[in-house]
Amino acid sequence: MSTLEIIGGAVILVICLAIVIICLMQDQKSQDSMTAALTGASSESFYGKNEGRTREAILNKVTRFFGIVLFVATLAVNLIPLFIK
């Protein structure tokens, strides 16, 4: 293993831990009834009024960001050794 692969693996591990912690910080979404689960209906309009400034919206955005960073880091760790030889 090269030094870049070890550093990349450590970075991926830290990102994975951050994603797990952020997902655990989020509240669980509960559905009122089975029809709400089937139709996707939601009685919450607070998010729409505040345009994503709630704690949950911020956590969702951070989770999405770390997911994209994890994807890019994984690709980089696997592709960089092919070009460095």
PDB file of N, CA and C in Angstrom:
ATOM      1  N   MET A   1       0.836  -1.180   0.000  1.00  0.00           N
ATOM      2  CA  MET A   1       0.000   0.000   0.000  1.00  0.00           C
ATOM      3  C   MET A   1       0.880   1.241   0.000  1.00  0.00           C
ATOM      4  N   SER A   2       0.467   2.181  -0.794  1.00  0.00           N
ATOM      5  CA  SER A   2       1.219   3.430  -0.840  1.00  0.00           C
ATOM      6  C   SER A   2       0.702   4.388   0.230  1.00  0.00           C
ATOM      7  N   THR A   3       1.438   5.430   0.413  1.00  0.00           N
ATOM      8  CA  THR A   3       1.062   6.437   1.418  1.00  0.00           C
ATOM      9  C   THR A   3      -0.250   7.112   1.047  1.00  0.00           C
ATOM     10  N   LEU A   4      -0.464   7.359  -0.245  1.00  0.00           N
ATOM     11  CA  LEU A   4      -1.716   7.993  -0.674  1.00  0.00           C
ATOM     12  C   LEU A   4      -2.924   7.110  -0.376  1.00  0.00           C
ATOM     13  N   GLU A   5      -2.770   5.806  -0.539  1.00  0.00           N
ATOM     14  CA  GLU A   5      -3.882   4.902  -0.260  1.00  0.00           C
ATOM     15  C   GLU A   5      -4.206   4.881   1.231  1.00  0.00           C
ATOM     16  N   ILE A   6      -3.184   4.929   2.070  1.00  0.00           N
ATOM     17  CA  ILE A   6      -3.419   4.931   3.518  1.00  0.00           C
ATOM     18  C   ILE A   6      -4.090   6.233   3.946  1.00  0.00           C
ATOM     19  N   ILE A   7      -3.614   7.346   3.443  1.00  0.00           N
ATOM     20  CA  ILE A   7      -4.227   8.634   3.769  1.00  0.00           C
ATOM     21  C   ILE A   7      -5.658   8.689   3.247  1.00  0.00           C
ATOM     22  N   GLY A   8      -5.870   8.216   2.027  1.00  0.00           N
ATOM     23  CA  GLY A   8      -7.216   8.195   1.462  1.00  0.00           C
ATOM     24  C   GLY A   8      -8.156   7.320   2.264  1.00  0.00           C
ATOM     25  N   GLY A   9      -7.674   6.157   2.721  1.00  0.00           N
ATOM     26  CA  GLY A   9      -8.493   5.281   3.556  1.00  0.00           C
ATOM     27  C   GLY A   9      -8.862   5.927   4.875  1.00  0.00           C
ATOM     28  N   ALA A  10      -7.910   6.657   5.460  1.00  0.00           N
ATOM     29  CA  ALA A  10      -8.197   7.357   6.717  1.00  0.00           C
ATOM     30  C   ALA A  10      -9.230   8.458   6.506  1.00  0.00           C
ATOM     31  N   VAL A  11      -9.128   9.169   5.393  1.00  0.00           N
ATOM     32  CA  VAL A  11     -10.092  10.226   5.079  1.00  0.00           C
ATOM     33  C   VAL A  11     -11.486   9.636   4.879  1.00  0.00           C
ATOM     34  N   ILE A  12     -11.552   8.523   4.174  1.00  0.00           N
ATOM     35  CA  ILE A  12     -12.845   7.865   3.951  1.00  0.00           C
ATOM     36  C   ILE A  12     -13.438   7.391   5.274  1.00  0.00           C
ATOM     37  N   LEU A  13     -12.609   6.870   6.153  1.00  0.00           N
ATOM     38  CA  LEU A  13     -13.085   6.423   7.460  1.00  0.00           C
ATOM     39  C   LEU A  13     -13.653   7.583   8.274  1.00  0.00           C
ATOM     40  N   VAL A  14     -12.987   8.717   8.265  1.00  0.00           N
ATOM     41  CA  VAL A  14     -13.467   9.892   9.004  1.00  0.00           C
ATOM     42  C   VAL A  14     -14.780  10.400   8.413  1.00  0.00           C
ATOM     43  N   ILE A  15     -14.885  10.408   7.090  1.00  0.00           N
ATOM     44  CA  ILE A  15     -16.126  10.858   6.447  1.00  0.00           C
ATOM     45  C   ILE A  15     -17.272   9.917   6.796  1.00  0.00           C
ATOM     46  N   CYS A  16     -17.006   8.609   6.792  1.00  0.00           N
ATOM     47  CA  CYS A  16     -18.051   7.641   7.152  1.00  0.00           C
ATOM     48  C   CYS A  16     -18.528   7.846   8.582  1.00  0.00           C
ATOM     49  N   LEU A  17     -17.606   8.065   9.497  1.00  0.00           N
ATOM     50  CA  LEU A  17     -17.992   8.318  10.883  1.00  0.00           C
ATOM     51  C   LEU A  17     -18.809   9.603  11.008  1.00  0.00           C
ATOM     52  N   ALA A  18     -18.440  10.632  10.254  1.00  0.00           N
ATOM     53  CA  ALA A  18     -19.197  11.891  10.282  1.00  0.00           C
ATOM     54  C   ALA A  18     -20.613  11.676   9.763  1.00  0.00           C
ATOM     55  N   ILE A  19     -20.752  10.892   8.706  1.00  0.00           N
ATOM     56  CA  ILE A  19     -22.087  10.624   8.153  1.00  0.00           C
ATOM     57  C   ILE A  19     -22.940   9.874   9.167  1.00  0.00           C
ATOM     58  N   VAL A  20     -22.370   8.885   9.831  1.00  0.00           N
ATOM     59  CA  VAL A  20     -23.121   8.118  10.826  1.00  0.00           C
ATOM     60  C   VAL A  20     -23.579   9.019  11.968  1.00  0.00           C
ATOM     61  N   ILE A  21     -22.687   9.865  12.455  1.00  0.00           N
ATOM     62  CA  ILE A  21     -23.036  10.761  13.566  1.00  0.00           C
ATOM     63  C   ILE A  21     -24.114  11.748  13.145  1.00  0.00           C
ATOM     64  N   ILE A  22     -23.997  12.307  11.949  1.00  0.00           N
ATOM     65  CA  ILE A  22     -24.994  13.273  11.487  1.00  0.00           C
ATOM     66  C   ILE A  22     -26.347  12.601  11.289  1.00  0.00           C
ATOM     67  N   CYS A  23     -26.349  11.380  10.763  1.00  0.00           N
ATOM     68  CA  CYS A  23     -27.621  10.668  10.587  1.00  0.00           C
ATOM     69  C   CYS A  23     -28.274  10.349  11.934  1.00  0.00           C
ATOM     70  N   LEU A  24     -27.462  10.036  12.931  1.00  0.00           N
ATOM     71  CA  LEU A  24     -28.023   9.766  14.262  1.00  0.00           C
ATOM     72  C   LEU A  24     -28.552  11.027  14.925  1.00  0.00           C
ATOM     73  N   MET A  25     -28.043  12.183  14.553  1.00  0.00           N
ATOM     74  CA  MET A  25     -28.516  13.449  15.118  1.00  0.00           C
ATOM     75  C   MET A  25     -29.885  13.844  14.569  1.00  0.00           C
ATOM     76  N   GLN A  26     -30.249  13.323  13.420  1.00  0.00           N
ATOM     77  CA  GLN A  26     -31.519  13.696  12.803  1.00  0.00           C
ATOM     78  C   GLN A  26     -32.677  13.034  13.531  1.00  0.00           C
ATOM     79  N   ASP A  27     -33.817  13.730  13.547  1.00  0.00           N
ATOM     80  CA  ASP A  27     -35.015  13.183  14.161  1.00  0.00           C
ATOM     81  C   ASP A  27     -35.654  12.180  13.216  1.00  0.00           C
ATOM     82  N   GLN A  28     -36.342  11.216  13.812  1.00  0.00           N
ATOM     83  CA  GLN A  28     -37.056  10.249  12.993  1.00  0.00           C
ATOM     84  C   GLN A  28     -38.352  10.871  12.500  1.00  0.00           C
ATOM     85  N   LYS A  29     -38.673  10.603  11.261  1.00  0.00           N
ATOM     86  CA  LYS A  29     -39.921  11.118  10.701  1.00  0.00           C
ATOM     87  C   LYS A  29     -40.997  10.064  10.912  1.00  0.00           C
ATOM     88  N   SER A  30     -42.083  10.455  11.547  1.00  0.00           N
ATOM     89  CA  SER A  30     -43.169   9.518  11.796  1.00  0.00           C
ATOM     90  C   SER A  30     -44.338   9.840  10.877  1.00  0.00           C
ATOM     91  N   GLN A  31     -44.986   8.815  10.423  1.00  0.00           N
ATOM     92  CA  GLN A  31     -46.169   8.964   9.580  1.00  0.00           C
ATOM     93  C   GLN A  31     -47.404   8.787  10.452  1.00  0.00           C
ATOM     94  N   ASP A  32     -48.438   9.582  10.175  1.00  0.00           N
ATOM     95  CA  ASP A  32     -49.657   9.520  10.981  1.00  0.00           C
ATOM     96  C   ASP A  32     -50.475   8.268  10.685  1.00  0.00           C
ATOM     97  N   SER A  33     -50.516   7.876   9.438  1.00  0.00           N
ATOM     98  CA  SER A  33     -51.321   6.710   9.087  1.00  0.00           C
ATOM     99  C   SER A  33     -50.692   5.995   7.900  1.00  0.00           C
ATOM    100  N   MET A  34     -51.253   4.875   7.566  1.00  0.00           N
ATOM    101  CA  MET A  34     -50.724   4.093   6.448  1.00  0.00           C
ATOM    102  C   MET A  34     -50.953   4.820   5.124  1.00  0.00           C
ATOM    103  N   THR A  35     -52.034   5.558   4.992  1.00  0.00           N
ATOM    104  CA  THR A  35     -52.274   6.282   3.743  1.00  0.00           C
ATOM    105  C   THR A  35     -51.256   7.399   3.550  1.00  0.00           C
ATOM    106  N   ALA A  36     -50.816   7.988   4.628  1.00  0.00           N
ATOM    107  CA  ALA A  36     -49.792   9.024   4.517  1.00  0.00           C
ATOM    108  C   ALA A  36     -48.486   8.419   4.027  1.00  0.00           C
ATOM    109  N   ALA A  37     -48.201   7.204   4.453  1.00  0.00           N
ATOM    110  CA  ALA A  37     -46.984   6.539   4.002  1.00  0.00           C
ATOM    111  C   ALA A  37     -47.079   6.162   2.528  1.00  0.00           C
ATOM    112  N   LEU A  38     -48.268   5.787   2.090  1.00  0.00           N
ATOM    113  CA  LEU A  38     -48.438   5.385   0.686  1.00  0.00           C
ATOM    114  C   LEU A  38     -48.498   6.581  -0.252  1.00  0.00           C
ATOM    115  N   THR A  39     -49.114   7.661   0.187  1.00  0.00           N
ATOM    116  CA  THR A  39     -49.281   8.818  -0.698  1.00  0.00           C
ATOM    117  C   THR A  39     -48.173   9.838  -0.546  1.00  0.00           C
ATOM    118  N   GLY A  40     -47.383   9.736   0.510  1.00  0.00           N
ATOM    119  CA  GLY A  40     -46.325  10.711   0.730  1.00  0.00           C
ATOM    120  C   GLY A  40     -46.831  12.013   1.302  1.00  0.00           C
ATOM    121  N   ALA A  41     -48.014  11.985   1.860  1.00  0.00           N
ATOM    122  CA  ALA A  41     -48.601  13.198   2.421  1.00  0.00           C
ATOM    123  C   ALA A  41     -47.861  13.610   3.686  1.00  0.00           C
ATOM    124  N   SER A  42     -47.773  14.886   3.885  1.00  0.00           N
ATOM    125  CA  SER A  42     -47.113  15.397   5.079  1.00  0.00           C
ATOM    126  C   SER A  42     -47.899  16.577   5.615  1.00  0.00           C
ATOM    127  N   SER A  43     -48.058  16.623   6.922  1.00  0.00           N
ATOM    128  CA  SER A  43     -48.791  17.724   7.530  1.00  0.00           C
ATOM    129  C   SER A  43     -47.864  18.838   7.971  1.00  0.00           C
ATOM    130  N   GLU A  44     -46.563  18.684   7.738  1.00  0.00           N
ATOM    131  CA  GLU A  44     -45.603  19.693   8.160  1.00  0.00           C
ATOM    132  C   GLU A  44     -45.445  20.754   7.084  1.00  0.00           C
ATOM    133  N   SER A  45     -45.698  21.986   7.446  1.00  0.00           N
ATOM    134  CA  SER A  45     -45.490  23.084   6.508  1.00  0.00           C
ATOM    135  C   SER A  45     -44.431  24.058   7.029  1.00  0.00           C
ATOM    136  N   PHE A  46     -43.835  23.741   8.164  1.00  0.00           N
ATOM    137  CA  PHE A  46     -42.820  24.621   8.756  1.00  0.00           C
ATOM    138  C   PHE A  46     -41.599  24.731   7.857  1.00  0.00           C
ATOM    139  N   TYR A  47     -41.212  23.628   7.236  1.00  0.00           N
ATOM    140  CA  TYR A  47     -40.055  23.639   6.337  1.00  0.00           C
ATOM    141  C   TYR A  47     -40.299  24.563   5.147  1.00  0.00           C
ATOM    142  N   GLY A  48     -41.486  24.514   4.600  1.00  0.00           N
ATOM    143  CA  GLY A  48     -41.802  25.365   3.463  1.00  0.00           C
ATOM    144  C   GLY A  48     -41.795  26.844   3.808  1.00  0.00           C
ATOM    145  N   LYS A  49     -42.229  27.170   5.007  1.00  0.00           N
ATOM    146  CA  LYS A  49     -42.255  28.571   5.423  1.00  0.00           C
ATOM    147  C   LYS A  49     -40.869  29.126   5.689  1.00  0.00           C
ATOM    148  N   ASN A  50     -39.979  28.293   6.210  1.00  0.00           N
ATOM    149  CA  ASN A  50     -38.655  28.769   6.575  1.00  0.00           C
ATOM    150  C   ASN A  50     -37.596  28.479   5.519  1.00  0.00           C
ATOM    151  N   GLU A  51     -37.966  27.903   4.417  1.00  0.00           N
ATOM    152  CA  GLU A  51     -37.098  27.690   3.261  1.00  0.00           C
ATOM    153  C   GLU A  51     -35.805  26.965   3.617  1.00  0.00           C
ATOM    154  N   GLY A  52     -35.879  25.937   4.442  1.00  0.00           N
ATOM    155  CA  GLY A  52     -34.722  25.111   4.721  1.00  0.00           C
ATOM    156  C   GLY A  52     -33.777  25.630   5.775  1.00  0.00           C
ATOM    157  N   ARG A  53     -34.236  26.502   6.649  1.00  0.00           N
ATOM    158  CA  ARG A  53     -33.352  27.044   7.684  1.00  0.00           C
ATOM    159  C   ARG A  53     -33.499  26.324   9.016  1.00  0.00           C
ATOM    160  N   THR A  54     -34.253  25.252   9.046  1.00  0.00           N
ATOM    161  CA  THR A  54     -34.424  24.513  10.283  1.00  0.00           C
ATOM    162  C   THR A  54     -33.218  23.624  10.536  1.00  0.00           C
ATOM    163  N   ARG A  55     -33.132  23.111  11.726  1.00  0.00           N
ATOM    164  CA  ARG A  55     -32.030  22.220  12.086  1.00  0.00           C
ATOM    165  C   ARG A  55     -32.041  20.970  11.216  1.00  0.00           C
ATOM    166  N   GLU A  56     -33.221  20.431  10.977  1.00  0.00           N
ATOM    167  CA  GLU A  56     -33.337  19.228  10.157  1.00  0.00           C
ATOM    168  C   GLU A  56     -32.893  19.486   8.723  1.00  0.00           C
ATOM    169  N   ALA A  57     -33.249  20.626   8.181  1.00  0.00           N
ATOM    170  CA  ALA A  57     -32.851  20.946   6.811  1.00  0.00           C
ATOM    171  C   ALA A  57     -31.336  21.094   6.703  1.00  0.00           C
ATOM    172  N   ILE A  58     -30.743  21.702   7.707  1.00  0.00           N
ATOM    173  CA  ILE A  58     -29.284  21.864   7.699  1.00  0.00           C
ATOM    174  C   ILE A  58     -28.605  20.503   7.799  1.00  0.00           C
ATOM    175  N   LEU A  59     -29.112  19.636   8.670  1.00  0.00           N
ATOM    176  CA  LEU A  59     -28.530  18.304   8.796  1.00  0.00           C
ATOM    177  C   LEU A  59     -28.690  17.505   7.508  1.00  0.00           C
ATOM    178  N   ASN A  60     -29.823  17.672   6.827  1.00  0.00           N
ATOM    179  CA  ASN A  60     -30.017  16.981   5.541  1.00  0.00           C
ATOM    180  C   ASN A  60     -29.015  17.462   4.507  1.00  0.00           C
ATOM    181  N   LYS A  61     -28.778  18.760   4.456  1.00  0.00           N
ATOM    182  CA  LYS A  61     -27.824  19.309   3.496  1.00  0.00           C
ATOM    183  C   LYS A  61     -26.402  18.860   3.804  1.00  0.00           C
ATOM    184  N   VAL A  62     -26.043  18.826   5.086  1.00  0.00           N
ATOM    185  CA  VAL A  62     -24.705  18.391   5.470  1.00  0.00           C
ATOM    186  C   VAL A  62     -24.519  16.908   5.160  1.00  0.00           C
ATOM    187  N   THR A  63     -25.548  16.100   5.401  1.00  0.00           N
ATOM    188  CA  THR A  63     -25.480  14.678   5.077  1.00  0.00           C
ATOM    189  C   THR A  63     -25.288  14.469   3.586  1.00  0.00           C
ATOM    190  N   ARG A  64     -26.032  15.215   2.792  1.00  0.00           N
ATOM    191  CA  ARG A  64     -25.901  15.108   1.333  1.00  0.00           C
ATOM    192  C   ARG A  64     -24.499  15.522   0.888  1.00  0.00           C
ATOM    193  N   PHE A  65     -23.958  16.588   1.474  1.00  0.00           N
ATOM    194  CA  PHE A  65     -22.619  17.056   1.131  1.00  0.00           C
ATOM    195  C   PHE A  65     -21.566  15.991   1.455  1.00  0.00           C
ATOM    196  N   PHE A  66     -21.638  15.424   2.671  1.00  0.00           N
ATOM    197  CA  PHE A  66     -20.667  14.397   3.049  1.00  0.00           C
ATOM    198  C   PHE A  66     -20.818  13.137   2.200  1.00  0.00           C
ATOM    199  N   GLY A  67     -22.023  12.816   1.771  1.00  0.00           N
ATOM    200  CA  GLY A  67     -22.217  11.680   0.875  1.00  0.00           C
ATOM    201  C   GLY A  67     -21.520  11.889  -0.461  1.00  0.00           C
ATOM    202  N   ILE A  68     -21.626  13.086  -0.987  1.00  0.00           N
ATOM    203  CA  ILE A  68     -20.957  13.407  -2.260  1.00  0.00           C
ATOM    204  C   ILE A  68     -19.440  13.389  -2.073  1.00  0.00           C
ATOM    205  N   VAL A  69     -18.965  13.943  -0.963  1.00  0.00           N
ATOM    206  CA  VAL A  69     -17.523  13.938  -0.686  1.00  0.00           C
ATOM    207  C   VAL A  69     -17.020  12.505  -0.532  1.00  0.00           C
ATOM    208  N   LEU A  70     -17.798  11.644   0.123  1.00  0.00           N
ATOM    209  CA  LEU A  70     -17.419  10.245   0.275  1.00  0.00           C
ATOM    210  C   LEU A  70     -17.313   9.559  -1.080  1.00  0.00           C
ATOM    211  N   PHE A  71     -18.266   9.813  -1.958  1.00  0.00           N
ATOM    212  CA  PHE A  71     -18.255   9.222  -3.295  1.00  0.00           C
ATOM    213  C   PHE A  71     -17.017   9.666  -4.069  1.00  0.00           C
ATOM    214  N   VAL A  72     -16.717  10.957  -4.041  1.00  0.00           N
ATOM    215  CA  VAL A  72     -15.562  11.490  -4.765  1.00  0.00           C
ATOM    216  C   VAL A  72     -14.258  10.962  -4.167  1.00  0.00           C
ATOM    217  N   ALA A  73     -14.177  10.900  -2.840  1.00  0.00           N
ATOM    218  CA  ALA A  73     -12.959  10.407  -2.193  1.00  0.00           C
ATOM    219  C   ALA A  73     -12.721   8.932  -2.518  1.00  0.00           C
ATOM    220  N   THR A  74     -13.781   8.147  -2.559  1.00  0.00           N
ATOM    221  CA  THR A  74     -13.647   6.729  -2.895  1.00  0.00           C
ATOM    222  C   THR A  74     -13.164   6.560  -4.322  1.00  0.00           C
ATOM    223  N   LEU A  75     -13.732   7.333  -5.233  1.00  0.00           N
ATOM    224  CA  LEU A  75     -13.260   7.274  -6.617  1.00  0.00           C
ATOM    225  C   LEU A  75     -11.799   7.701  -6.724  1.00  0.00           C
ATOM    226  N   ALA A  76     -11.432   8.748  -6.009  1.00  0.00           N
ATOM    227  CA  ALA A  76     -10.061   9.245  -6.072  1.00  0.00           C
ATOM    228  C   ALA A  76      -9.072   8.218  -5.538  1.00  0.00           C
ATOM    229  N   VAL A  77      -9.413   7.578  -4.424  1.00  0.00           N
ATOM    230  CA  VAL A  77      -8.502   6.583  -3.843  1.00  0.00           C
ATOM    231  C   VAL A  77      -8.310   5.408  -4.795  1.00  0.00           C
ATOM    232  N   ASN A  78      -9.341   5.059  -5.540  1.00  0.00           N
ATOM    233  CA  ASN A  78      -9.234   3.923  -6.453  1.00  0.00           C
ATOM    234  C   ASN A  78      -8.625   4.290  -7.797  1.00  0.00           C
ATOM    235  N   LEU A  79      -8.753   5.519  -8.231  1.00  0.00           N
ATOM    236  CA  LEU A  79      -8.259   5.900  -9.558  1.00  0.00           C
ATOM    237  C   LEU A  79      -6.879   6.520  -9.562  1.00  0.00           C
ATOM    238  N   ILE A  80      -6.490   7.205  -8.511  1.00  0.00           N
ATOM    239  CA  ILE A  80      -5.179   7.870  -8.476  1.00  0.00           C
ATOM    240  C   ILE A  80      -4.021   6.880  -8.631  1.00  0.00           C
ATOM    241  N   PRO A  81      -4.043   5.711  -7.964  1.00  0.00           N
ATOM    242  CA  PRO A  81      -2.928   4.784  -8.169  1.00  0.00           C
ATOM    243  C   PRO A  81      -2.758   4.299  -9.611  1.00  0.00           C
ATOM    244  N   LEU A  82      -3.808   4.329 -10.384  1.00  0.00           N
ATOM    245  CA  LEU A  82      -3.700   3.916 -11.783  1.00  0.00           C
ATOM    246  C   LEU A  82      -2.894   4.894 -12.623  1.00  0.00           C
ATOM    247  N   PHE A  83      -2.939   6.159 -12.246  1.00  0.00           N
ATOM    248  CA  PHE A  83      -2.265   7.186 -13.032  1.00  0.00           C
ATOM    249  C   PHE A  83      -0.888   7.546 -12.497  1.00  0.00           C
ATOM    250  N   ILE A  84      -0.578   7.169 -11.259  1.00  0.00           N
ATOM    251  CA  ILE A  84       0.701   7.546 -10.664  1.00  0.00           C
ATOM    252  C   ILE A  84       1.824   6.582 -11.057  1.00  0.00           C
ATOM    253  N   LYS A  85       1.520   5.376 -11.425  1.00  0.00           N
ATOM    254  CA  LYS A  85       2.551   4.397 -11.769  1.00  0.00           C
ATOM    255  C   LYS A  85       3.453   4.938 -12.789  1.00  0.00           C
TER     256      LYS A  85
END
